[in-house]
N, C-alpha and C. Protein backbone atom coordinates (compact mmCIF):
# COMPACT_ATOMS: atom_id res chain seq x y z
N MET A 1 13.66 3.94 39.25
CA MET A 1 12.96 3.75 38.03
C MET A 1 13.83 4.74 36.92
N GLY A 2 14.43 5.95 37.40
CA GLY A 2 14.96 6.81 36.67
C GLY A 2 16.31 6.29 35.98
N LYS A 3 17.16 5.56 36.81
CA LYS A 3 18.42 4.84 36.44
C LYS A 3 17.99 3.75 35.57
N ARG A 4 17.08 3.08 35.82
CA ARG A 4 16.71 1.80 34.99
C ARG A 4 16.19 2.21 33.56
N SER A 5 15.53 3.22 33.50
CA SER A 5 14.94 3.92 32.42
C SER A 5 16.11 4.15 31.42
N THR A 6 17.08 4.98 31.92
CA THR A 6 18.06 5.41 31.20
C THR A 6 19.11 4.35 30.84
N ILE A 7 19.39 3.13 31.64
CA ILE A 7 20.10 2.21 31.06
C ILE A 7 19.29 1.36 29.88
N ILE A 8 17.74 1.34 29.99
CA ILE A 8 17.16 0.53 28.95
C ILE A 8 17.30 1.37 27.60
N LYS A 9 17.17 2.79 27.94
CA LYS A 9 17.28 3.70 26.66
C LYS A 9 18.64 3.56 25.94
N GLY A 10 19.54 3.27 26.87
CA GLY A 10 20.92 3.32 26.20
C GLY A 10 21.17 1.94 25.54
N LEU A 11 20.63 0.96 25.99
CA LEU A 11 20.86 -0.34 25.43
C LEU A 11 20.13 -0.41 24.13
N VAL A 12 18.98 0.11 24.05
CA VAL A 12 17.95 0.30 22.86
C VAL A 12 18.86 1.05 21.70
N VAL A 13 19.53 2.40 22.00
CA VAL A 13 20.32 3.03 21.38
C VAL A 13 21.46 2.18 20.71
N LEU A 14 22.19 1.47 21.65
CA LEU A 14 23.26 0.64 21.21
C LEU A 14 23.02 -0.79 20.46
N VAL A 15 21.68 -1.13 20.74
CA VAL A 15 21.35 -2.42 19.87
C VAL A 15 20.86 -1.67 18.37
N LEU A 16 20.24 -0.49 18.34
CA LEU A 16 19.99 0.00 16.99
C LEU A 16 21.08 0.48 16.24
N ALA A 17 21.99 0.93 16.93
CA ALA A 17 23.32 1.28 16.15
C ALA A 17 23.98 0.28 15.76
N VAL A 18 24.03 -1.02 16.38
CA VAL A 18 24.71 -2.26 15.96
C VAL A 18 23.86 -2.94 14.70
N PHE A 19 22.55 -2.72 14.88
CA PHE A 19 21.90 -3.23 13.64
C PHE A 19 21.89 -2.58 12.46
N LEU A 20 21.97 -0.95 12.62
CA LEU A 20 22.11 -0.06 11.34
C LEU A 20 23.55 -0.50 10.85
N ALA A 21 24.69 -0.57 11.62
CA ALA A 21 26.04 -0.77 11.16
C ALA A 21 26.11 -2.22 10.23
N GLY A 22 25.34 -3.14 10.87
CA GLY A 22 25.32 -4.28 10.15
C GLY A 22 24.64 -4.23 8.90
N CYS A 23 23.52 -3.59 9.02
CA CYS A 23 22.72 -3.41 7.50
C CYS A 23 23.70 -2.77 6.51
N ALA A 24 24.37 -1.90 6.76
CA ALA A 24 25.20 -0.95 5.91
C ALA A 24 26.32 -1.80 5.50
N ALA A 25 26.93 -2.96 6.42
CA ALA A 25 28.01 -3.78 5.99
C ALA A 25 27.56 -4.76 5.03
N VAL A 26 26.23 -5.30 5.20
CA VAL A 26 25.51 -6.26 4.15
C VAL A 26 25.46 -5.61 2.73
N ALA A 27 25.30 -4.19 2.74
CA ALA A 27 25.06 -3.97 1.20
C ALA A 27 26.37 -4.20 0.43
N PRO A 28 26.25 -4.58 -0.86
CA PRO A 28 27.36 -4.91 -1.53
C PRO A 28 27.91 -3.53 -2.13
N LYS A 29 29.33 -3.69 -2.31
CA LYS A 29 30.10 -2.76 -2.81
C LYS A 29 29.73 -2.79 -4.57
N PRO A 30 29.48 -1.85 -5.18
CA PRO A 30 29.34 -1.71 -6.59
C PRO A 30 30.52 -2.21 -7.28
N SER A 31 30.33 -3.21 -8.25
CA SER A 31 31.29 -3.60 -9.28
C SER A 31 30.65 -3.97 -10.54
N GLU A 32 31.55 -4.01 -11.69
CA GLU A 32 31.07 -4.35 -12.95
C GLU A 32 30.11 -5.48 -12.89
N ARG A 33 30.31 -6.38 -12.07
CA ARG A 33 29.30 -7.67 -12.10
C ARG A 33 27.85 -7.19 -11.49
N ASN A 34 27.99 -6.39 -10.45
CA ASN A 34 26.48 -6.23 -9.91
C ASN A 34 25.96 -4.86 -10.16
N PHE A 35 26.56 -4.02 -11.11
CA PHE A 35 25.82 -2.62 -11.36
C PHE A 35 24.98 -2.88 -12.55
N THR A 36 23.80 -2.85 -12.30
CA THR A 36 22.80 -2.84 -13.31
C THR A 36 22.49 -1.63 -13.73
N VAL A 37 22.30 -1.50 -15.21
CA VAL A 37 22.10 -0.01 -15.71
C VAL A 37 20.56 0.38 -15.38
N PRO A 38 20.47 1.63 -14.73
CA PRO A 38 19.19 1.99 -14.23
C PRO A 38 18.16 2.19 -15.37
N LYS A 39 16.96 2.31 -15.37
CA LYS A 39 15.98 2.37 -16.20
C LYS A 39 15.60 3.83 -16.20
N VAL A 40 15.47 4.43 -17.41
CA VAL A 40 14.65 5.82 -17.66
C VAL A 40 13.44 5.64 -18.59
N THR A 41 12.33 6.15 -18.11
CA THR A 41 11.38 6.03 -18.93
C THR A 41 10.29 7.34 -18.84
N ILE A 42 9.74 7.69 -19.73
CA ILE A 42 8.81 8.89 -19.97
C ILE A 42 7.46 8.68 -19.05
N SER A 43 7.11 9.44 -18.43
CA SER A 43 6.08 9.40 -17.40
C SER A 43 4.87 10.34 -17.96
N LEU A 44 5.41 11.40 -18.52
CA LEU A 44 4.46 12.60 -18.53
C LEU A 44 5.20 13.44 -19.52
N VAL A 45 4.34 14.25 -20.48
CA VAL A 45 4.72 15.38 -21.03
C VAL A 45 3.69 16.58 -21.02
N GLU A 46 4.13 17.64 -20.51
CA GLU A 46 3.18 18.77 -20.19
C GLU A 46 3.41 20.00 -21.08
N ILE A 47 2.52 20.94 -21.11
CA ILE A 47 2.81 21.94 -22.01
C ILE A 47 2.45 23.34 -21.09
N PRO A 48 3.46 23.55 -20.48
CA PRO A 48 3.45 24.83 -19.37
C PRO A 48 3.54 26.19 -20.06
N TYR A 49 3.87 26.17 -21.25
CA TYR A 49 3.80 27.58 -22.01
C TYR A 49 3.46 27.55 -23.44
N TYR A 50 2.42 28.21 -23.60
CA TYR A 50 1.90 28.13 -24.90
C TYR A 50 1.11 29.56 -25.47
N THR A 51 1.55 30.10 -26.68
CA THR A 51 0.93 31.28 -26.94
C THR A 51 0.06 31.28 -28.27
N GLY A 52 -0.15 29.85 -28.78
CA GLY A 52 -1.06 29.73 -30.07
C GLY A 52 -0.07 29.57 -31.24
N TYR A 53 -0.53 29.35 -32.42
CA TYR A 53 0.42 29.28 -33.47
C TYR A 53 0.29 30.43 -34.40
N TRP A 54 1.54 31.08 -34.49
CA TRP A 54 1.61 32.19 -35.12
C TRP A 54 3.29 32.34 -35.90
N TYR A 55 3.11 33.04 -36.85
CA TYR A 55 4.42 33.21 -37.70
C TYR A 55 4.69 34.64 -38.17
N PHE A 56 5.66 35.33 -37.94
CA PHE A 56 5.65 36.69 -38.49
C PHE A 56 7.00 36.69 -39.57
N ALA A 57 6.93 37.02 -40.68
CA ALA A 57 8.10 37.12 -41.40
C ALA A 57 8.89 38.65 -41.17
N LYS A 58 10.08 38.76 -41.68
CA LYS A 58 10.78 39.84 -41.42
C LYS A 58 10.39 41.16 -42.08
N LYS A 59 9.22 40.62 -43.13
CA LYS A 59 8.71 41.92 -43.93
C LYS A 59 7.85 42.73 -43.03
N VAL A 60 7.13 41.93 -41.98
CA VAL A 60 6.27 42.66 -41.22
C VAL A 60 6.67 43.73 -40.15
N GLU A 61 6.49 44.99 -40.26
CA GLU A 61 7.11 46.04 -39.35
C GLU A 61 6.37 45.69 -37.94
N PRO A 62 7.17 45.52 -36.97
CA PRO A 62 6.89 45.31 -35.67
C PRO A 62 6.49 46.70 -35.07
N THR A 63 5.55 46.65 -34.24
CA THR A 63 5.15 48.08 -33.23
C THR A 63 6.35 48.44 -32.48
N LYS A 64 7.22 47.42 -31.95
CA LYS A 64 8.39 48.08 -31.23
C LYS A 64 9.51 46.90 -31.62
N GLY A 65 10.75 47.34 -31.44
CA GLY A 65 11.92 46.60 -31.91
C GLY A 65 12.14 46.46 -33.30
N THR A 66 12.98 45.51 -33.43
CA THR A 66 13.46 45.30 -34.80
C THR A 66 12.80 44.10 -35.62
N ALA A 67 12.60 44.26 -36.97
CA ALA A 67 11.83 43.03 -37.63
C ALA A 67 12.78 42.01 -37.79
N GLY A 68 12.03 40.70 -37.94
CA GLY A 68 12.84 39.43 -37.97
C GLY A 68 11.77 38.31 -38.24
N ASP A 69 12.38 37.15 -38.65
CA ASP A 69 11.83 36.08 -38.78
C ASP A 69 11.27 35.43 -37.44
N TYR A 70 10.15 35.35 -36.93
CA TYR A 70 9.58 34.85 -35.55
C TYR A 70 8.59 33.83 -35.68
N GLY A 71 8.73 32.79 -34.86
CA GLY A 71 7.63 31.69 -34.61
C GLY A 71 7.16 31.61 -33.19
N ALA A 72 6.02 31.07 -33.32
CA ALA A 72 5.32 30.98 -31.97
C ALA A 72 6.23 29.87 -31.06
N PRO A 73 6.41 30.17 -29.72
CA PRO A 73 6.93 29.61 -28.56
C PRO A 73 6.20 28.42 -28.26
N MET A 74 6.75 27.27 -27.72
CA MET A 74 5.88 26.40 -27.11
C MET A 74 6.72 25.63 -26.18
N GLY A 75 6.47 25.72 -24.81
CA GLY A 75 7.17 25.06 -23.87
C GLY A 75 6.60 23.71 -23.62
N LEU A 76 7.57 22.67 -23.59
CA LEU A 76 7.27 21.42 -23.23
C LEU A 76 8.12 20.93 -21.93
N ALA A 77 7.36 20.25 -20.84
CA ALA A 77 8.15 19.93 -19.85
C ALA A 77 8.10 18.24 -19.95
N PHE A 78 9.13 17.41 -19.74
CA PHE A 78 9.18 16.11 -19.84
C PHE A 78 9.35 15.76 -18.55
N ILE A 79 8.44 14.71 -17.99
CA ILE A 79 8.82 13.81 -16.68
C ILE A 79 9.24 12.64 -16.71
N PHE A 80 10.30 12.21 -16.14
CA PHE A 80 10.91 10.88 -16.42
C PHE A 80 10.97 10.19 -15.13
N ASP A 81 10.65 8.98 -15.02
CA ASP A 81 10.98 8.13 -14.01
C ASP A 81 12.34 7.51 -14.04
N VAL A 82 13.10 7.63 -13.06
CA VAL A 82 14.48 6.98 -12.96
C VAL A 82 14.53 5.95 -11.85
N GLU A 83 14.62 4.59 -12.54
CA GLU A 83 14.63 3.74 -11.35
C GLU A 83 15.91 3.01 -11.27
N ASN A 84 16.13 2.78 -10.09
CA ASN A 84 17.59 2.41 -9.67
C ASN A 84 17.27 0.90 -9.00
N PRO A 85 17.96 -0.07 -9.94
CA PRO A 85 17.66 -1.47 -9.45
C PRO A 85 18.63 -1.94 -8.73
N ASN A 86 19.70 -1.10 -8.36
CA ASN A 86 20.96 -1.68 -7.67
C ASN A 86 20.54 -1.65 -6.00
N PRO A 87 21.36 -2.39 -5.35
CA PRO A 87 21.40 -2.35 -3.92
C PRO A 87 22.21 -1.50 -3.20
N TYR A 88 22.61 -0.35 -4.00
CA TYR A 88 23.00 0.67 -3.42
C TYR A 88 22.87 2.02 -4.20
N PRO A 89 23.24 3.26 -3.68
CA PRO A 89 22.50 4.30 -4.64
C PRO A 89 23.66 4.53 -5.78
N VAL A 90 23.29 5.10 -6.92
CA VAL A 90 23.68 5.63 -8.03
C VAL A 90 23.69 7.23 -8.23
N LEU A 91 24.49 7.62 -8.97
CA LEU A 91 24.55 8.95 -9.20
C LEU A 91 24.21 9.10 -10.77
N MET A 92 23.07 9.91 -11.04
CA MET A 92 22.88 10.30 -12.44
C MET A 92 23.60 11.69 -12.72
N GLU A 93 24.44 11.75 -13.86
CA GLU A 93 25.08 12.94 -14.20
C GLU A 93 24.40 13.44 -15.36
N GLY A 94 23.08 13.63 -15.58
CA GLY A 94 22.27 14.23 -16.65
C GLY A 94 22.02 13.14 -17.91
N LEU A 95 21.29 13.97 -18.60
CA LEU A 95 20.71 13.06 -19.65
C LEU A 95 20.37 13.95 -20.97
N LYS A 96 20.35 13.43 -21.96
CA LYS A 96 19.89 14.14 -23.44
C LYS A 96 18.97 13.17 -24.26
N PHE A 97 18.10 13.69 -25.00
CA PHE A 97 17.31 13.24 -25.73
C PHE A 97 16.77 13.94 -26.84
N THR A 98 16.40 13.28 -28.06
CA THR A 98 15.77 14.09 -29.34
C THR A 98 14.33 13.85 -29.20
N VAL A 99 13.72 14.91 -29.44
CA VAL A 99 12.18 15.36 -29.65
C VAL A 99 11.65 15.22 -30.98
N ALA A 100 10.71 14.38 -31.28
CA ALA A 100 10.19 14.28 -32.52
C ALA A 100 8.57 14.36 -32.59
N PHE A 101 8.05 14.91 -33.51
CA PHE A 101 6.68 14.82 -33.85
C PHE A 101 6.38 14.29 -35.01
N GLU A 102 5.69 13.23 -35.12
CA GLU A 102 5.07 12.17 -36.21
C GLU A 102 6.53 11.72 -37.01
N GLY A 103 7.65 11.64 -36.40
CA GLY A 103 8.64 10.93 -37.00
C GLY A 103 9.67 12.09 -37.28
N PHE A 104 9.35 13.33 -37.14
CA PHE A 104 10.36 14.49 -37.65
C PHE A 104 10.97 14.98 -36.38
N ASP A 105 12.37 14.95 -36.47
CA ASP A 105 12.94 15.33 -35.24
C ASP A 105 12.90 17.01 -35.24
N LEU A 106 12.79 17.45 -34.11
CA LEU A 106 12.64 18.88 -34.05
C LEU A 106 13.77 19.53 -33.11
N ASN A 107 14.39 18.78 -32.25
CA ASN A 107 15.54 19.38 -31.38
C ASN A 107 15.93 18.35 -30.59
N THR A 108 17.33 18.43 -30.03
CA THR A 108 17.80 17.63 -28.86
C THR A 108 17.78 18.40 -27.74
N VAL A 109 17.27 17.97 -26.65
CA VAL A 109 17.31 18.41 -25.18
C VAL A 109 18.45 17.90 -24.45
N SER A 110 19.24 18.71 -23.55
CA SER A 110 20.15 18.41 -22.74
C SER A 110 19.70 18.78 -21.41
N ALA A 111 20.02 17.81 -20.30
CA ALA A 111 19.46 18.47 -19.08
C ALA A 111 20.84 17.97 -17.93
N PRO A 112 21.91 18.79 -17.63
CA PRO A 112 22.93 18.39 -16.87
C PRO A 112 22.85 18.18 -15.40
N GLU A 113 21.57 18.12 -15.04
CA GLU A 113 21.56 18.09 -13.60
C GLU A 113 21.81 16.73 -13.23
N THR A 114 22.32 16.78 -11.83
CA THR A 114 23.02 15.60 -10.98
C THR A 114 22.03 15.11 -10.07
N GLN A 115 21.91 14.02 -9.79
CA GLN A 115 21.07 13.38 -8.86
C GLN A 115 21.31 12.21 -8.28
N TRP A 116 21.16 11.90 -7.00
CA TRP A 116 21.62 10.66 -6.34
C TRP A 116 20.21 9.77 -6.34
N ILE A 117 20.17 8.67 -6.89
CA ILE A 117 18.88 7.73 -6.87
C ILE A 117 19.23 6.61 -5.65
N PRO A 118 18.52 6.51 -4.62
CA PRO A 118 18.86 5.63 -3.45
C PRO A 118 18.65 4.26 -4.11
N ALA A 119 19.10 3.20 -3.28
CA ALA A 119 19.20 1.82 -3.73
C ALA A 119 17.61 1.35 -3.56
N GLY A 120 17.36 0.75 -4.91
CA GLY A 120 15.81 0.13 -5.11
C GLY A 120 14.95 1.10 -5.31
N LYS A 121 15.04 2.55 -5.53
CA LYS A 121 14.07 3.44 -5.33
C LYS A 121 14.03 4.13 -6.95
N THR A 122 12.91 4.87 -6.89
CA THR A 122 12.63 5.63 -8.19
C THR A 122 12.57 7.06 -7.95
N ASN A 123 13.37 7.90 -8.88
CA ASN A 123 13.50 9.39 -8.61
C ASN A 123 12.40 9.77 -9.80
N HIS A 124 12.06 11.23 -9.77
CA HIS A 124 11.32 11.51 -10.90
C HIS A 124 12.24 12.84 -11.24
N LEU A 125 12.40 13.19 -12.59
CA LEU A 125 13.10 14.33 -13.01
C LEU A 125 12.31 15.01 -14.11
N ARG A 126 12.29 16.27 -14.00
CA ARG A 126 11.47 17.17 -14.93
C ARG A 126 12.31 17.95 -15.81
N VAL A 127 12.24 17.93 -17.11
CA VAL A 127 13.29 18.44 -17.90
C VAL A 127 12.42 19.53 -18.64
N ASP A 128 12.61 20.88 -18.62
CA ASP A 128 11.85 21.82 -19.47
C ASP A 128 12.71 22.27 -20.72
N ALA A 129 11.77 22.36 -21.68
CA ALA A 129 12.35 22.83 -23.00
C ALA A 129 11.58 23.62 -23.95
N ILE A 130 12.13 24.76 -24.44
CA ILE A 130 11.42 25.74 -25.27
C ILE A 130 11.60 25.30 -26.60
N PHE A 131 10.46 25.30 -27.61
CA PHE A 131 10.43 25.10 -28.85
C PHE A 131 9.89 26.26 -29.31
N ASP A 132 10.35 26.75 -30.75
CA ASP A 132 9.64 27.75 -31.42
C ASP A 132 9.57 27.31 -33.07
N ALA A 133 8.42 27.86 -33.44
CA ALA A 133 7.81 27.60 -34.99
C ALA A 133 9.09 28.16 -35.95
N ARG A 134 10.05 28.84 -35.52
CA ARG A 134 10.89 29.32 -36.51
C ARG A 134 12.05 28.31 -36.63
N SER A 135 12.47 27.88 -35.45
CA SER A 135 13.53 26.87 -35.47
C SER A 135 13.15 25.34 -35.92
N ALA A 136 11.68 25.09 -35.64
CA ALA A 136 11.26 23.97 -35.97
C ALA A 136 11.14 23.92 -37.63
N LEU A 137 10.61 25.07 -38.13
CA LEU A 137 10.50 25.10 -39.52
C LEU A 137 11.98 24.98 -40.38
N LEU A 138 13.09 25.50 -39.65
CA LEU A 138 14.48 25.53 -40.37
C LEU A 138 14.89 23.90 -40.07
N SER A 139 14.72 23.26 -39.02
CA SER A 139 14.92 21.86 -38.75
C SER A 139 14.12 20.86 -39.95
N LEU A 140 12.74 21.47 -39.98
CA LEU A 140 12.00 20.60 -40.97
C LEU A 140 12.62 20.72 -42.38
N MET A 141 12.77 21.95 -42.71
CA MET A 141 13.44 22.27 -44.47
C MET A 141 14.69 21.51 -44.46
N VAL A 142 15.55 21.51 -43.36
CA VAL A 142 16.80 20.85 -43.71
C VAL A 142 16.73 19.43 -43.68
N THR A 143 16.36 18.73 -42.44
CA THR A 143 16.25 17.29 -42.25
C THR A 143 14.97 16.58 -42.97
N GLY A 144 13.91 17.28 -42.94
CA GLY A 144 12.62 16.64 -43.19
C GLY A 144 12.05 16.96 -44.68
N GLY A 145 12.71 17.83 -45.39
CA GLY A 145 12.02 18.36 -46.56
C GLY A 145 11.68 17.42 -47.58
N PHE A 146 12.42 16.68 -47.92
CA PHE A 146 12.32 15.65 -48.94
C PHE A 146 11.19 14.70 -48.73
N LYS A 147 11.08 14.24 -47.29
CA LYS A 147 10.17 13.43 -46.70
C LYS A 147 8.78 13.97 -46.63
N LEU A 148 8.68 15.41 -46.25
CA LEU A 148 7.34 16.01 -46.33
C LEU A 148 6.97 15.99 -47.79
N LYS A 149 7.77 16.31 -48.60
CA LYS A 149 7.45 16.66 -50.11
C LYS A 149 6.64 15.31 -50.50
N GLU A 150 7.38 14.11 -50.29
CA GLU A 150 6.82 12.70 -50.77
C GLU A 150 5.54 12.66 -50.24
N MET A 151 5.34 13.22 -48.84
CA MET A 151 4.12 12.63 -48.18
C MET A 151 2.90 13.87 -48.61
N GLY A 152 3.29 14.87 -49.60
CA GLY A 152 2.49 16.00 -50.01
C GLY A 152 2.06 16.81 -48.93
N ILE A 153 3.02 17.32 -48.15
CA ILE A 153 2.79 17.80 -46.90
C ILE A 153 3.74 19.02 -47.03
N THR A 154 3.24 20.35 -46.68
CA THR A 154 4.13 21.29 -46.74
C THR A 154 4.85 21.66 -45.33
N PRO A 155 6.15 22.25 -45.02
CA PRO A 155 6.40 22.40 -43.64
C PRO A 155 5.55 23.46 -42.99
N TRP A 156 4.86 24.32 -43.51
CA TRP A 156 3.93 25.24 -43.10
C TRP A 156 2.66 24.29 -42.30
N ASP A 157 2.14 23.58 -43.11
CA ASP A 157 0.98 22.71 -42.84
C ASP A 157 1.36 21.69 -41.60
N ALA A 158 2.59 21.20 -41.64
CA ALA A 158 3.07 20.20 -40.64
C ALA A 158 3.11 21.06 -39.27
N LEU A 159 3.85 22.27 -39.34
CA LEU A 159 4.00 23.23 -38.03
C LEU A 159 2.67 23.51 -37.71
N GLU A 160 1.83 24.04 -38.49
CA GLU A 160 0.44 24.39 -37.84
C GLU A 160 -0.35 23.37 -37.37
N LYS A 161 -0.14 21.98 -37.91
CA LYS A 161 -0.78 21.01 -37.28
C LYS A 161 -0.30 20.53 -35.89
N TRP A 162 1.02 20.70 -35.93
CA TRP A 162 1.84 20.25 -34.68
C TRP A 162 1.46 21.04 -33.51
N TRP A 163 1.53 22.49 -33.84
CA TRP A 163 1.30 23.40 -32.82
C TRP A 163 -0.23 23.58 -32.09
N THR A 164 -0.96 23.35 -33.17
CA THR A 164 -2.43 23.17 -32.68
C THR A 164 -2.92 21.95 -31.94
N ALA A 165 -2.32 20.86 -32.40
CA ALA A 165 -2.66 19.58 -31.77
C ALA A 165 -1.86 19.35 -30.36
N ALA A 166 -0.59 19.87 -30.41
CA ALA A 166 0.21 19.70 -29.06
C ALA A 166 -0.59 20.59 -27.85
N ALA A 167 -1.33 21.62 -28.03
CA ALA A 167 -1.92 22.28 -27.17
C ALA A 167 -2.90 21.58 -26.67
N SER A 168 -3.66 20.71 -27.56
CA SER A 168 -4.94 20.05 -27.09
C SER A 168 -4.42 18.54 -26.60
N TYR A 169 -3.25 18.35 -26.56
CA TYR A 169 -2.60 16.98 -26.20
C TYR A 169 -2.90 15.88 -27.09
N THR A 170 -3.36 16.10 -28.18
CA THR A 170 -3.98 15.27 -29.30
C THR A 170 -2.69 14.67 -30.12
N LEU A 171 -1.39 15.30 -30.00
CA LEU A 171 -0.47 14.90 -30.75
C LEU A 171 0.74 14.12 -29.83
N PRO A 172 0.95 12.76 -30.31
CA PRO A 172 1.83 12.17 -29.63
C PRO A 172 3.21 12.67 -29.66
N VAL A 173 3.67 12.97 -28.74
CA VAL A 173 5.39 13.54 -28.57
C VAL A 173 6.26 12.35 -28.41
N GLU A 174 7.25 12.16 -29.13
CA GLU A 174 8.08 11.17 -29.05
C GLU A 174 9.65 11.72 -28.54
N VAL A 175 10.28 10.68 -27.70
CA VAL A 175 11.23 10.88 -27.05
C VAL A 175 12.16 9.76 -27.50
N LYS A 176 13.34 10.25 -28.20
CA LYS A 176 14.23 9.13 -28.81
C LYS A 176 15.59 9.50 -28.77
N GLU A 177 16.29 8.35 -29.05
CA GLU A 177 17.95 8.54 -28.93
C GLU A 177 18.44 9.05 -27.56
N GLY A 178 17.69 8.59 -26.53
CA GLY A 178 18.14 9.21 -25.14
C GLY A 178 19.16 8.47 -24.34
N THR A 179 19.97 9.26 -23.72
CA THR A 179 20.94 8.61 -23.15
C THR A 179 21.15 9.18 -21.58
N ALA A 180 21.41 8.56 -20.63
CA ALA A 180 21.58 9.08 -19.26
C ALA A 180 22.86 8.32 -18.83
N ILE A 181 23.62 9.18 -18.15
CA ILE A 181 24.99 8.65 -17.42
C ILE A 181 24.65 8.29 -16.05
N PHE A 182 25.13 7.10 -15.54
CA PHE A 182 25.12 6.80 -14.23
C PHE A 182 26.46 6.35 -13.57
N LYS A 183 26.57 6.78 -12.35
CA LYS A 183 27.93 6.61 -11.71
C LYS A 183 27.86 5.71 -10.35
N ALA A 184 28.72 4.87 -9.93
CA ALA A 184 28.60 4.17 -8.70
C ALA A 184 30.14 3.85 -8.51
N ASP A 185 30.61 4.36 -7.35
CA ASP A 185 31.86 3.88 -7.01
C ASP A 185 33.07 3.93 -7.91
N GLY A 186 32.96 4.83 -8.92
CA GLY A 186 33.99 5.08 -10.01
C GLY A 186 33.67 4.32 -11.22
N LEU A 187 32.66 3.53 -11.22
CA LEU A 187 32.13 2.72 -12.42
C LEU A 187 31.04 3.86 -13.01
N THR A 188 31.05 3.60 -14.57
CA THR A 188 30.15 4.51 -15.17
C THR A 188 29.33 3.42 -16.12
N LYS A 189 27.94 3.64 -16.27
CA LYS A 189 27.10 2.93 -17.13
C LYS A 189 26.25 3.88 -17.90
N VAL A 190 25.89 3.46 -19.09
CA VAL A 190 24.97 4.63 -19.97
C VAL A 190 23.69 3.68 -20.20
N ALA A 191 22.47 4.53 -19.90
CA ALA A 191 21.30 3.86 -20.01
C ALA A 191 20.67 4.65 -21.27
N THR A 192 20.12 3.76 -22.28
CA THR A 192 19.54 4.37 -23.33
C THR A 192 17.77 4.17 -23.13
N PHE A 193 17.13 5.29 -23.71
CA PHE A 193 15.76 5.26 -23.47
C PHE A 193 14.91 5.81 -24.54
N GLY A 194 13.73 5.73 -24.76
CA GLY A 194 12.91 6.40 -25.58
C GLY A 194 11.49 6.06 -25.31
N GLY A 195 10.49 6.62 -26.01
CA GLY A 195 9.18 6.42 -25.83
C GLY A 195 8.21 7.53 -26.31
N VAL A 196 7.08 7.54 -26.36
CA VAL A 196 5.94 8.39 -26.84
C VAL A 196 5.09 8.51 -25.71
N PHE A 197 4.46 9.75 -25.55
CA PHE A 197 3.62 10.22 -24.90
C PHE A 197 2.55 10.96 -25.67
N PRO A 198 1.30 10.89 -25.53
CA PRO A 198 0.54 9.80 -24.86
C PRO A 198 0.86 8.42 -25.30
């Protein structure tokens, strides 16, 4: 019984090895013709760091340290689904996107992380970004000042509304002009993406 069991186990291992080798041989090699651009979609936006809305001008004397213009920080975490429709794994070499509130661009975020996405599977990627009311104010005054003026809104009013509404998840957060680079066997494809959460 011992020899027979060993022989059967050996045959099972051999058959399994041949089967797996055959499956590997069936998977097509990446080519320009069969390399489909993976899909990136926004799944969730979280606020892992928030200290309220506040702004101190450099006229205010600090208890410690030096005076300056400082605005409330707010951390945003963006969770993306990265879907690989190809019958072979692809490498994502990072992504970048612009974040906007109510159509006003606040900042561009880059994530240089690389990851392999298995054939036919979906990975999840979390990208953390810190925003602050001071840099948002400067961005608004430079790029959105005229638009805000036409709408009868001051940059200060917009900032306070956004920082307050974002914390209660009542402000839609827009991800736009997103690009992600994917590679497979020397080939490169760029995926574009965007979306609004919620």
